[in-house]
Amino acid sequence: MGVATDERAHWLRLCLIPGIGPERQRLLLAAFGLPSRVFACSRQALAAVVGDRLAEVLLACDNRAEVGHALKWADEPGNHVLTLADDAYPRNLLEIPDPPSLLYAKGDVRLLEATALAVVGARNATPQGELNAEAFAAALSAAGIPVVSGLALGVDAAAHRGGLKGPGKTIAVVGTGADRIYPARNADLARAIAAEGLILSEFPLGTPPVAHNFPRRNRIISGLARGVLVIEAAVDSGSLITARLAAEQGREVFAVPGSIHSPLAKGCHQLIKQGAKLVECADDILEELSWPLAHAPRAAPAAEADSTGEASLLKVMGFDPVDVDSLVMRSSLTPEELFAMLTLLELDGRVARLPGGLFQRIN
């Protein structure tokens, strides 16, 4: 069932009224059926549902300019305004306690019909964390599974890049308007997602990046997906909010373990202690959810060392961040030899240079 343009305008009119959030919108729709009927009601009838003050707001608010702008935006190729009454509205979101009444979508809305998996994690992810996120997402996408994330820096961006590599593609749920790109560093990625995947938002067009919107959009990330995979998260990470919401929504929670010395592993370890499933590769997730196996590598592939010296250095580095003084003691190399070898390994993508003069082996 589609929604006629006139009725869609009433949906927009209702959802764009300040102070009338999803909960009150649901009360009004439950009482009167359609947004057009809401606006045909008397003040007294409205007050019986939402109170005198909001009834007055409903009748007095003139947001025709915003409604017209949204309808014009939706007329552009690839843009959509989806209501709860639309066939294209994601069925999974109807299962959560507070589904958004309206969604702004830019890209391929057919992705909303598929069973998806969310991949989230630290914005300040390590190079290995980003590689793992991209590898997991690429394997899931290769199996035809859309990868849902939040377009943040770090793990989110890596997951989107991986999702774009396969037929499953990727869905970015943003905390701004669907016509805004945040952060600006992800502008090229956002354009690629709009062209091949989908950008989704419950927030009105033009909404800037406001801090409290990002935790709110997390319920949509988890709600769209069959499960949530967390890759690198500190104990205060917003990714743990997404994982908690997923558990409350009856979704599966997966976590990738890390070093016991890494602050970015502690959030994942906490989830595992609470019952999240420890995973090392995409096949672990696919097996748990009874999806066809992707036959993915267990982690992002690493290049082979070109010399015995490089192989020995990689071995003594371990997988935790390490400073140069420690490496000098472990390797018996001079500082000059060590820096030369680290530079070569960094150029080959086998070692990453971190803030604070630290280095980390990548696989």
Protein backbone atom coordinates (compact mmCIF):
# COMPACT_ATOMS: atom_id res chain seq x y z
CA MET A 1 0.00 0.00 0.00
CA GLY A 2 1.31 3.41 -0.92
CA VAL A 3 0.39 6.74 0.63
CA ALA A 4 -1.19 9.45 -1.52
CA THR A 5 0.67 12.75 -1.75
CA ASP A 6 -2.05 14.63 0.15
CA GLU A 7 -1.98 12.14 3.02
CA ARG A 8 1.85 12.16 2.99
CA ALA A 9 1.67 15.93 3.42
CA HIS A 10 -0.49 15.39 6.52
CA TRP A 11 2.03 12.88 7.88
CA LEU A 12 4.76 15.48 7.41
CA ARG A 13 2.63 18.19 8.94
CA LEU A 14 2.06 16.05 12.05
CA CYS A 15 5.66 14.89 12.41
CA LEU A 16 7.14 18.36 11.91
CA ILE A 17 5.24 19.96 14.80
CA PRO A 18 7.62 20.79 17.68
CA GLY A 19 6.76 18.93 20.86
CA ILE A 20 4.74 16.20 19.14
CA GLY A 21 7.21 13.32 19.20
CA PRO A 22 6.73 9.68 18.16
CA GLU A 23 4.94 8.70 21.38
CA ARG A 24 2.28 11.40 21.08
CA GLN A 25 2.04 10.82 17.35
CA ARG A 26 1.17 7.18 18.08
CA LEU A 27 -1.48 8.24 20.59
CA LEU A 28 -3.08 10.53 18.02
CA LEU A 29 -2.95 7.93 15.26
CA ALA A 30 -4.41 5.29 17.58
CA ALA A 31 -7.26 7.63 18.45
CA PHE A 32 -8.05 9.04 15.01
CA GLY A 33 -6.51 6.64 12.46
CA LEU A 34 -4.82 8.96 9.97
CA PRO A 35 -2.99 12.29 10.24
CA SER A 36 -5.63 13.96 8.03
CA ARG A 37 -8.28 12.96 10.57
CA VAL A 38 -6.15 14.36 13.39
CA PHE A 39 -6.27 17.80 11.80
CA ALA A 40 -10.01 17.50 11.16
CA CYS A 41 -10.69 17.07 14.88
CA SER A 42 -11.92 19.68 17.29
CA ARG A 43 -9.68 21.19 19.93
CA GLN A 44 -11.68 19.39 22.58
CA ALA A 45 -11.17 15.98 20.93
CA LEU A 46 -7.45 16.59 20.56
CA ALA A 47 -7.11 17.78 24.16
CA ALA A 48 -8.64 14.52 25.37
CA VAL A 49 -5.66 12.69 23.85
CA VAL A 50 -2.65 15.03 24.26
CA GLY A 51 -3.83 17.73 26.67
CA ASP A 52 -4.89 21.34 26.19
CA ARG A 53 -1.46 22.84 25.51
CA LEU A 54 -0.48 20.40 22.76
CA ALA A 55 -3.96 20.53 21.25
CA GLU A 56 -3.47 24.25 20.86
CA VAL A 57 -0.02 23.69 19.33
CA LEU A 58 -1.48 21.18 16.84
CA LEU A 59 -4.12 23.59 15.63
CA ALA A 60 -1.93 26.71 15.63
CA CYS A 61 1.27 25.39 14.04
CA ASP A 62 1.80 26.53 10.45
CA ASN A 63 4.58 24.42 8.95
CA ARG A 64 3.44 24.49 5.33
CA ALA A 65 6.83 25.74 4.13
CA GLU A 66 8.67 22.83 5.78
CA VAL A 67 6.12 20.34 4.45
CA GLY A 68 6.44 21.75 0.94
CA HIS A 69 10.24 21.59 1.14
CA ALA A 70 10.15 17.92 2.23
CA LEU A 71 7.71 16.98 -0.54
CA LYS A 72 9.89 18.74 -3.10
CA TRP A 73 12.96 16.90 -1.77
CA ALA A 74 11.10 13.59 -2.01
CA ASP A 75 10.33 14.28 -5.68
CA GLU A 76 14.04 14.21 -6.51
CA PRO A 77 15.41 10.90 -7.89
CA GLY A 78 16.45 8.50 -5.12
CA ASN A 79 14.76 10.48 -2.32
CA HIS A 80 11.86 9.09 -0.30
CA VAL A 81 9.65 10.06 2.64
CA LEU A 82 8.37 6.84 4.21
CA THR A 83 5.47 6.72 6.67
CA LEU A 84 4.28 3.93 8.92
CA ALA A 85 1.57 3.26 6.34
CA ASP A 86 3.99 2.69 3.44
CA ASP A 87 4.80 -0.80 2.15
CA ALA A 88 8.45 0.27 1.93
CA TYR A 89 8.57 1.12 5.65
CA PRO A 90 10.95 -1.45 7.25
CA ARG A 91 8.94 -4.22 8.92
CA ASN A 92 11.69 -4.79 11.50
CA LEU A 93 11.20 -1.30 12.92
CA LEU A 94 7.54 -2.05 13.60
CA GLU A 95 8.75 -4.60 16.18
CA ILE A 96 10.54 -2.04 18.37
CA PRO A 97 8.74 -0.11 21.14
CA ASP A 98 9.13 3.36 19.60
CA PRO A 99 9.36 3.21 15.78
CA PRO A 100 9.70 6.56 14.04
CA SER A 101 6.47 7.67 12.35
CA LEU A 102 8.41 9.05 9.42
CA LEU A 103 11.70 8.20 7.72
CA TYR A 104 13.66 10.22 5.19
CA ALA A 105 15.56 7.93 2.84
CA LYS A 106 18.15 8.66 0.17
CA GLY A 107 19.15 5.75 -2.06
CA ASP A 108 17.85 2.22 -2.59
CA VAL A 109 14.88 1.59 -0.26
CA ARG A 110 14.74 -2.03 -1.43
CA LEU A 111 17.56 -2.67 1.05
CA LEU A 112 14.99 -2.21 3.82
CA GLU A 113 13.30 -5.44 2.73
CA ALA A 114 16.40 -7.56 3.37
CA THR A 115 17.53 -9.08 6.68
CA ALA A 116 20.42 -6.89 7.84
CA LEU A 117 23.18 -6.90 10.43
CA ALA A 118 24.50 -3.84 12.26
CA VAL A 119 28.24 -3.27 12.75
CA VAL A 120 29.24 -0.57 15.25
CA GLY A 121 32.25 0.39 17.32
CA ALA A 122 34.74 3.05 18.34
CA ARG A 123 35.16 6.32 16.47
CA ASN A 124 38.83 6.33 17.50
CA ALA A 125 39.32 2.74 16.36
CA THR A 126 42.76 1.24 15.92
CA PRO A 127 43.94 0.44 12.39
CA GLN A 128 43.35 -3.25 13.15
CA GLY A 129 39.84 -2.47 14.38
CA GLU A 130 39.02 -0.68 11.14
CA LEU A 131 40.47 -3.53 9.09
CA ASN A 132 38.39 -6.04 11.04
CA ALA A 133 35.23 -3.97 10.63
CA GLU A 134 35.75 -3.72 6.88
CA ALA A 135 36.52 -7.44 6.60
CA PHE A 136 33.46 -8.50 8.61
CA ALA A 137 31.22 -6.14 6.65
CA ALA A 138 32.60 -7.23 3.28
CA ALA A 139 31.98 -10.88 4.15
CA LEU A 140 28.43 -10.17 5.32
CA SER A 141 27.71 -8.12 2.20
CA ALA A 142 29.15 -10.91 0.03
CA ALA A 143 26.48 -13.15 1.57
CA GLY A 144 23.81 -10.64 0.47
CA ILE A 145 23.33 -9.11 3.94
CA PRO A 146 23.04 -5.30 4.16
CA VAL A 147 25.39 -3.82 6.75
CA VAL A 148 23.81 -1.15 8.96
CA SER A 149 25.90 1.46 10.76
CA GLY A 150 25.92 5.10 11.74
CA LEU A 151 28.34 6.89 9.35
CA ALA A 152 30.64 7.92 12.21
CA LEU A 153 34.42 7.90 11.87
CA GLY A 154 36.31 4.73 12.74
CA VAL A 155 34.46 1.41 12.83
CA ASP A 156 31.24 2.79 11.30
CA ALA A 157 32.99 4.18 8.24
CA ALA A 158 35.04 1.00 7.80
CA ALA A 159 31.86 -1.10 8.02
CA HIS A 160 30.20 1.00 5.33
CA ARG A 161 33.22 0.66 3.07
CA GLY A 162 33.14 -3.11 3.51
CA GLY A 163 29.41 -3.25 2.88
CA LEU A 164 29.78 -1.40 -0.41
CA LYS A 165 32.11 -4.14 -1.68
CA GLY A 166 29.37 -6.76 -1.96
CA PRO A 167 25.79 -7.17 -3.20
CA GLY A 168 24.37 -6.73 0.31
CA LYS A 169 25.47 -3.05 0.30
CA THR A 170 25.07 -0.82 3.34
CA ILE A 171 22.58 1.40 5.18
CA ALA A 172 23.77 4.51 7.04
CA VAL A 173 21.42 5.68 9.81
CA VAL A 174 22.36 9.27 10.54
CA GLY A 175 21.73 11.61 13.46
CA THR A 176 21.19 14.60 11.17
CA GLY A 177 18.79 15.31 8.35
CA ALA A 178 19.18 12.92 5.42
CA ASP A 179 20.31 15.91 3.36
CA ARG A 180 23.20 16.69 5.72
CA ILE A 181 26.56 14.91 5.82
CA TYR A 182 28.29 14.53 9.16
CA PRO A 183 31.15 14.26 9.78
CA ALA A 184 32.41 16.18 6.75
CA ARG A 185 35.36 13.77 6.43
CA ASN A 186 32.87 11.11 5.37
CA ALA A 187 31.41 13.20 2.54
CA ASP A 188 32.75 10.98 -0.27
CA LEU A 189 31.65 7.85 1.58
CA ALA A 190 28.16 9.29 2.14
CA ARG A 191 27.82 10.05 -1.57
CA ALA A 192 28.86 6.48 -2.42
CA ILE A 193 26.31 5.12 0.06
CA ALA A 194 23.53 7.29 -1.41
CA ALA A 195 24.46 6.05 -4.89
CA GLU A 196 24.76 2.32 -4.08
CA GLY A 197 23.21 1.84 -0.64
CA LEU A 198 20.86 3.89 1.54
CA ILE A 199 21.05 6.87 3.90
CA LEU A 200 18.23 6.91 6.46
CA SER A 201 17.10 9.44 9.07
CA GLU A 202 14.08 10.11 11.25
CA PHE A 203 15.12 13.74 11.70
CA PRO A 204 13.69 16.57 9.57
CA LEU A 205 15.66 17.80 6.58
CA GLY A 206 18.33 20.29 7.52
CA THR A 207 18.71 18.98 11.10
CA PRO A 208 22.30 19.74 12.20
CA PRO A 209 24.48 17.33 14.20
CA VAL A 210 23.02 17.72 17.71
CA ALA A 211 24.58 15.50 20.38
CA HIS A 212 21.37 14.00 21.80
CA ASN A 213 20.20 12.86 18.35
CA PHE A 214 22.95 10.26 17.99
CA PRO A 215 22.00 8.00 20.92
CA ARG A 216 18.39 8.27 19.72
CA ARG A 217 19.20 7.06 16.21
CA ASN A 218 20.92 3.99 17.73
CA ARG A 219 17.54 2.32 18.31
CA ILE A 220 16.98 2.46 14.54
CA ILE A 221 20.41 0.94 13.81
CA SER A 222 19.65 -2.01 16.08
CA GLY A 223 15.98 -2.15 15.13
CA LEU A 224 16.71 -2.56 11.43
CA ALA A 225 19.04 -5.50 12.04
CA ARG A 226 18.78 -9.14 13.02
CA GLY A 227 21.79 -8.64 15.25
CA VAL A 228 24.48 -6.14 16.25
CA LEU A 229 28.24 -6.73 16.02
CA VAL A 230 30.46 -4.55 18.21
CA ILE A 231 34.09 -4.13 17.12
CA GLU A 232 36.23 -2.13 19.58
CA ALA A 233 34.39 -0.15 22.23
CA ALA A 234 35.44 1.49 25.47
CA VAL A 235 33.23 0.93 28.52
CA ASP A 236 31.56 4.33 27.96
CA SER A 237 31.12 3.90 24.20
CA GLY A 238 27.86 4.76 22.49
CA SER A 239 28.16 1.38 20.77
CA LEU A 240 27.20 -0.22 24.08
CA ILE A 241 23.95 1.76 23.95
CA THR A 242 23.24 0.19 20.57
CA ALA A 243 24.07 -3.26 21.96
CA ARG A 244 21.78 -2.73 24.96
CA LEU A 245 18.94 -1.58 22.70
CA ALA A 246 19.50 -4.61 20.48
CA ALA A 247 19.16 -6.96 23.45
CA GLU A 248 16.00 -5.15 24.60
CA GLN A 249 14.59 -5.47 21.07
CA GLY A 250 15.26 -9.21 21.02
CA ARG A 251 18.19 -8.98 18.61
CA GLU A 252 21.41 -10.97 18.87
CA VAL A 253 24.54 -9.24 20.15
CA PHE A 254 28.02 -10.21 18.94
CA ALA A 255 31.41 -8.86 20.02
CA VAL A 256 34.98 -9.18 18.79
CA PRO A 257 37.45 -9.70 21.66
CA GLY A 258 40.75 -7.84 21.90
CA SER A 259 43.79 -7.36 24.07
CA ILE A 260 43.18 -7.28 27.81
CA HIS A 261 45.44 -4.21 27.87
CA SER A 262 43.40 -2.20 25.35
CA PRO A 263 40.75 0.26 26.61
CA LEU A 264 38.95 -0.29 23.29
CA ALA A 265 38.52 -3.99 24.08
CA LYS A 266 36.99 -3.52 27.52
CA GLY A 267 33.52 -2.67 26.22
CA CYS A 268 33.48 -5.79 24.03
CA HIS A 269 34.72 -7.95 26.90
CA GLN A 270 31.98 -6.50 29.12
CA LEU A 271 29.36 -7.46 26.51
CA ILE A 272 30.77 -10.98 26.27
CA LYS A 273 30.59 -11.35 30.06
CA GLN A 274 26.94 -10.25 29.84
CA GLY A 275 26.10 -12.89 27.26
CA ALA A 276 27.10 -11.47 23.88
CA LYS A 277 28.49 -14.08 21.52
CA LEU A 278 32.24 -13.94 20.95
CA VAL A 279 33.02 -13.98 17.22
CA GLU A 280 36.27 -14.12 15.27
CA CYS A 281 34.95 -14.10 11.70
CA ALA A 282 31.77 -13.49 9.76
CA ASP A 283 31.07 -17.21 9.52
CA ASP A 284 30.58 -17.29 13.30
CA ILE A 285 27.69 -14.84 12.88
CA LEU A 286 26.23 -16.55 9.84
CA GLU A 287 26.26 -19.93 11.58
CA GLU A 288 24.60 -18.49 14.69
CA LEU A 289 21.83 -16.90 12.63
CA SER A 290 21.54 -19.88 10.24
CA TRP A 291 22.51 -17.81 7.23
CA PRO A 292 24.55 -19.24 4.31
CA LEU A 293 28.26 -19.13 5.10
CA ALA A 294 30.39 -16.42 3.53
CA HIS A 295 33.62 -18.42 3.85
CA ALA A 296 35.40 -15.29 5.00
CA PRO A 297 38.93 -15.17 6.40
CA ARG A 298 39.05 -15.17 10.19
CA ALA A 299 40.44 -11.65 10.17
CA ALA A 300 41.73 -9.07 7.75
CA PRO A 301 44.56 -10.69 5.75
CA ALA A 302 48.11 -9.72 6.59
CA ALA A 303 50.99 -9.45 4.18
CA GLU A 304 53.94 -11.76 4.66
CA ALA A 305 57.15 -10.29 5.97
CA ASP A 306 59.83 -9.92 3.34
CA SER A 307 62.79 -10.77 5.51
CA THR A 308 63.75 -12.68 8.62
CA GLY A 309 64.42 -9.35 10.36
CA GLU A 310 60.94 -8.02 9.61
CA ALA A 311 59.31 -11.29 10.64
CA SER A 312 61.26 -11.24 13.92
CA LEU A 313 60.28 -7.64 14.62
CA LEU A 314 56.62 -8.36 13.97
CA LYS A 315 56.81 -11.32 16.31
CA VAL A 316 58.25 -9.34 19.21
CA MET A 317 55.83 -6.45 18.63
CA GLY A 318 52.81 -8.57 19.54
CA PHE A 319 49.45 -6.98 18.83
CA ASP A 320 49.30 -4.28 21.50
CA PRO A 321 50.53 -0.71 20.90
CA VAL A 322 54.18 -0.45 21.87
CA ASP A 323 56.75 2.34 22.14
CA VAL A 324 60.14 2.47 20.45
CA ASP A 325 62.18 2.00 23.63
CA SER A 326 60.40 -1.27 24.36
CA LEU A 327 60.98 -2.45 20.81
CA VAL A 328 64.67 -1.65 21.00
CA MET A 329 64.97 -3.84 24.10
CA ARG A 330 62.88 -6.67 22.66
CA SER A 331 64.51 -6.75 19.24
CA SER A 332 68.18 -5.98 19.95
CA LEU A 333 68.06 -3.57 16.98
CA THR A 334 69.66 -0.15 17.12
CA PRO A 335 67.19 2.78 17.09
CA GLU A 336 68.28 3.61 13.53
CA GLU A 337 67.71 0.04 12.32
CA LEU A 338 64.39 -0.13 14.13
CA PHE A 339 63.05 3.11 12.66
CA ALA A 340 64.09 2.04 9.16
CA MET A 341 62.33 -1.31 9.54
CA LEU A 342 59.21 0.26 11.09
CA THR A 343 59.02 2.72 8.20
CA LEU A 344 59.14 -0.08 5.65
CA LEU A 345 56.51 -2.07 7.54
CA GLU A 346 54.32 1.02 7.82
CA LEU A 347 54.57 1.64 4.07
CA ASP A 348 53.61 -1.99 3.47
CA GLY A 349 50.56 -1.62 5.69
CA ARG A 350 51.77 -4.12 8.27
CA VAL A 351 52.43 -1.62 11.06
CA ALA A 352 50.51 1.51 12.03
CA ARG A 353 51.93 4.62 13.67
CA LEU A 354 49.74 5.75 16.59
CA PRO A 355 49.61 8.99 18.61
CA GLY A 356 52.09 9.30 21.46
CA GLY A 357 54.98 7.71 19.58
CA LEU A 358 53.42 4.23 19.64
CA PHE A 359 53.35 1.58 16.92
CA GLN A 360 50.96 -1.32 16.44
CA ARG A 361 51.17 -4.44 14.35
CA ILE A 362 48.26 -4.97 11.96
CA ASN A 363 47.59 -8.71 11.94
